[in-house]
Amino acid sequence: MTRTTILLITNGEKTEKSYLEGIRRIVPRDANLSITVKGENGKEPETIVRNLTRSQGGLDEYDEVWIVVDHDGKDRRGFLDACRKVRGTRMFGIVSTPCFEVWLNAHYERVRKYRDQEDAKRHYVRLTGLTGAAAKNLPKDFPYDAAPDAARRCCLTGATIPGANEQGPSPSTAVPRLLERLGLLMGDPGV
């Protein structure tokens, strides 16, 4: 049986890549997936798409590419359109609004209405007890197994989880769509 090759790529400096590496490690072996995780620290999402689609970009090595980015106070619809337009390899944009900490926070409790990224990050620090530079890390005991609960808590009550290649309102994240694809969430997680 042929394995599906998947690239998980992020422009996050540390937290997102650490999370994706952790997810890669817990994907069931019988999922028949070969997963690679890469970090493109600080690169704009459109630049990541452009670099991947160049002749030497390596896109042809993968059946699917999932690009995980923060909203960062910017309209990401151009990036998401670029993902949809890629020919051959299936490419998906995953946007967390206002930032990836929305998804991390949801592993502990329902997200709140955040004023901005800093507000969401302060909530993460309160939930994890990590401070200073350590707050860019995941706790050693990060509750990956709480992903089904996180999927129900990653938006405000009554809101819908955005799909892959969709930009949701604040707070929201499409990370549950990636986890569904990897076989870590079954069915529509709802909210």
Protein backbone atom coordinates (compact mmCIF):
# COMPACT_ATOMS: atom_id res chain seq x y z
CA MET A 1 0.00 0.00 0.00
CA THR A 2 1.35 3.42 -0.93
CA ARG A 3 1.79 5.92 1.89
CA THR A 4 0.34 9.41 1.52
CA THR A 5 3.14 11.96 1.91
CA ILE A 6 2.18 15.07 3.86
CA LEU A 7 4.20 18.21 4.57
CA LEU A 8 3.21 20.23 7.64
CA ILE A 9 4.85 23.63 7.41
CA THR A 10 4.58 26.74 9.56
CA ASN A 11 6.02 30.21 9.70
CA GLY A 12 5.81 30.22 13.50
CA GLU A 13 9.11 30.72 15.28
CA LYS A 14 8.87 27.85 17.75
CA THR A 15 5.49 26.97 19.26
CA GLU A 16 3.73 25.87 16.08
CA LYS A 17 6.64 23.72 14.89
CA SER A 18 6.91 22.05 18.32
CA TYR A 19 3.19 21.32 18.28
CA LEU A 20 3.30 19.90 14.75
CA GLU A 21 6.28 17.68 15.67
CA GLY A 22 4.30 16.40 18.65
CA ILE A 23 1.30 15.67 16.45
CA ARG A 24 3.48 13.88 13.91
CA ARG A 25 4.71 11.57 16.68
CA ILE A 26 1.19 10.56 17.78
CA VAL A 27 -0.38 9.91 14.37
CA PRO A 28 -1.27 6.21 14.36
CA ARG A 29 1.13 4.08 12.35
CA ASP A 30 -1.80 2.40 10.61
CA ALA A 31 -2.86 5.79 9.19
CA ASN A 32 -0.48 5.05 6.30
CA LEU A 33 0.88 8.60 6.31
CA SER A 34 4.46 9.79 5.91
CA ILE A 35 4.59 13.19 7.61
CA THR A 36 7.36 15.77 7.40
CA VAL A 37 7.38 18.93 9.54
CA LYS A 38 9.24 22.07 8.47
CA GLY A 39 9.56 25.55 9.91
CA GLU A 40 9.86 28.69 7.81
CA ASN A 41 10.48 31.11 10.67
CA GLY A 42 8.86 34.46 10.08
CA LYS A 43 8.20 34.06 6.35
CA GLU A 44 4.99 35.50 5.02
CA PRO A 45 2.50 32.75 4.10
CA GLU A 46 2.37 33.86 0.45
CA THR A 47 6.17 33.54 0.29
CA ILE A 48 5.96 29.98 1.59
CA VAL A 49 3.45 29.08 -1.15
CA ARG A 50 5.57 30.81 -3.81
CA ASN A 51 8.75 29.05 -2.66
CA LEU A 52 7.07 25.64 -2.62
CA THR A 53 5.65 26.06 -6.12
CA ARG A 54 8.97 27.05 -7.73
CA SER A 55 10.54 24.38 -9.90
CA GLN A 56 13.06 23.46 -7.17
CA GLY A 57 10.63 24.03 -4.28
CA GLY A 58 10.08 20.35 -3.55
CA LEU A 59 6.30 20.44 -3.84
CA ASP A 60 6.28 17.36 -6.08
CA GLU A 61 7.62 15.29 -3.14
CA TYR A 62 4.28 15.53 -1.32
CA ASP A 63 0.70 14.47 -1.93
CA GLU A 64 -0.57 17.15 0.46
CA VAL A 65 0.82 20.30 2.05
CA TRP A 66 -0.75 21.92 5.13
CA ILE A 67 0.55 25.42 5.96
CA VAL A 68 -0.19 26.54 9.54
CA VAL A 69 -0.06 30.31 10.16
CA ASP A 70 -1.34 33.00 12.50
CA HIS A 71 -3.74 35.68 11.37
CA ASP A 72 -1.29 38.26 12.81
CA GLY A 73 -3.84 41.05 12.31
CA LYS A 74 -3.64 40.58 8.52
CA ASP A 75 -6.21 39.49 5.99
CA ARG A 76 -5.07 36.01 4.96
CA ARG A 77 -7.56 35.51 2.12
CA GLY A 78 -4.85 36.09 -0.51
CA PHE A 79 -2.74 33.34 1.04
CA LEU A 80 -5.73 30.99 1.21
CA ASP A 81 -6.61 31.72 -2.44
CA ALA A 82 -3.00 30.91 -3.41
CA CYS A 83 -3.29 27.55 -1.60
CA ARG A 84 -6.50 26.69 -3.47
CA LYS A 85 -4.93 27.54 -6.84
CA VAL A 86 -1.95 25.19 -6.55
CA ARG A 87 -2.14 22.45 -9.18
CA GLY A 88 -1.14 18.86 -8.54
CA THR A 89 -0.34 18.65 -4.84
CA ARG A 90 -3.28 19.43 -2.59
CA MET A 91 -2.42 22.50 -0.51
CA PHE A 92 -4.33 23.69 2.53
CA GLY A 93 -3.97 26.86 4.58
CA ILE A 94 -4.73 26.67 8.29
CA VAL A 95 -5.23 30.07 9.93
CA SER A 96 -5.50 30.70 13.68
CA THR A 97 -7.13 34.02 14.58
CA PRO A 98 -5.67 36.01 16.22
CA CYS A 99 -2.85 33.48 16.83
CA PHE A 100 -1.94 29.82 17.37
CA GLU A 101 -2.33 30.18 21.13
CA VAL A 102 -6.10 30.05 20.53
CA TRP A 103 -5.67 26.36 19.68
CA LEU A 104 -3.28 25.71 22.56
CA ASN A 105 -5.58 27.46 25.06
CA ALA A 106 -8.52 25.33 23.94
CA HIS A 107 -6.67 22.23 25.22
CA TYR A 108 -7.23 23.62 28.73
CA GLU A 109 -10.54 25.52 28.55
CA ARG A 110 -12.87 27.32 26.16
CA VAL A 111 -11.26 30.27 24.42
CA ARG A 112 -12.33 33.80 25.24
CA LYS A 113 -12.94 36.90 23.19
CA TYR A 114 -9.35 38.13 22.84
CA ARG A 115 -8.59 41.79 22.13
CA ASP A 116 -5.46 40.81 20.20
CA GLN A 117 -2.60 38.30 20.02
CA GLU A 118 -1.06 39.53 23.25
CA ASP A 119 -4.32 38.91 25.10
CA ALA A 120 -4.47 35.31 23.80
CA LYS A 121 -0.80 34.80 24.72
CA ARG A 122 -1.41 36.13 28.25
CA HIS A 123 -4.21 33.58 28.59
CA TYR A 124 -1.78 30.83 27.48
CA VAL A 125 0.77 31.94 30.10
CA ARG A 126 -1.92 31.86 32.79
CA LEU A 127 -3.08 28.38 31.73
CA THR A 128 0.39 26.84 31.47
CA GLY A 129 2.40 28.77 34.05
CA LEU A 130 5.14 29.30 31.45
CA THR A 131 6.72 32.74 31.51
CA GLY A 132 9.32 34.72 29.60
CA ALA A 133 11.05 32.86 26.77
CA ALA A 134 9.58 29.57 28.07
CA ALA A 135 6.11 30.79 26.99
CA LYS A 136 7.15 30.09 23.37
CA ASN A 137 7.45 26.42 24.31
CA LEU A 138 4.90 23.76 24.99
CA PRO A 139 4.81 22.39 28.53
CA LYS A 140 6.49 18.99 28.82
CA ASP A 141 3.10 17.56 29.78
CA PHE A 142 1.13 19.31 27.00
CA PRO A 143 -2.26 17.54 26.78
CA TYR A 144 -2.24 16.39 23.13
CA ASP A 145 -4.92 13.88 24.08
CA ALA A 146 -7.28 16.80 24.85
CA ALA A 147 -7.56 17.59 21.11
CA PRO A 148 -11.21 16.41 20.87
CA ASP A 149 -12.12 18.77 23.74
CA ALA A 150 -9.99 21.52 22.22
CA ALA A 151 -11.90 21.17 18.95
CA ARG A 152 -15.13 21.88 20.82
CA ARG A 153 -13.59 24.82 22.71
CA CYS A 154 -11.50 26.59 20.02
CA CYS A 155 -14.27 29.04 19.06
CA LEU A 156 -16.75 31.06 21.04
CA THR A 157 -19.97 29.23 21.95
CA GLY A 158 -22.21 29.00 18.89
CA ALA A 159 -19.43 29.78 16.40
CA THR A 160 -18.30 27.32 13.74
CA ILE A 161 -14.80 25.99 13.23
CA PRO A 162 -13.45 27.38 9.94
CA GLY A 163 -12.55 24.91 7.24
CA ALA A 164 -9.15 24.42 5.70
CA ASN A 165 -8.49 27.36 3.36
CA GLU A 166 -10.92 29.54 5.34
CA GLN A 167 -10.24 32.50 7.59
CA GLY A 168 -12.49 32.50 10.63
CA PRO A 169 -13.46 35.27 13.05
CA SER A 170 -11.52 36.00 16.22
CA PRO A 171 -11.07 33.75 18.10
CA SER A 172 -11.00 30.67 15.90
CA THR A 173 -8.67 28.18 14.31
CA ALA A 174 -8.84 25.60 11.54
CA VAL A 175 -6.32 23.28 13.25
CA PRO A 176 -9.09 20.72 13.97
CA ARG A 177 -9.44 20.27 10.19
CA LEU A 178 -5.78 19.23 10.01
CA LEU A 179 -6.22 16.80 12.91
CA GLU A 180 -9.29 15.30 11.22
CA ARG A 181 -7.16 14.65 8.14
CA LEU A 182 -4.44 13.01 10.21
CA GLY A 183 -6.97 10.70 11.86
CA LEU A 184 -6.65 12.29 15.29
CA LEU A 185 -10.24 13.60 15.37
CA MET A 186 -13.18 11.63 14.12
CA GLY A 187 -16.14 13.31 12.44
CA ASP A 188 -17.06 16.96 12.65
CA PRO A 189 -15.83 18.25 16.02
CA GLY A 190 -18.60 20.87 16.18
CA VAL A 191 -18.40 23.41 18.98
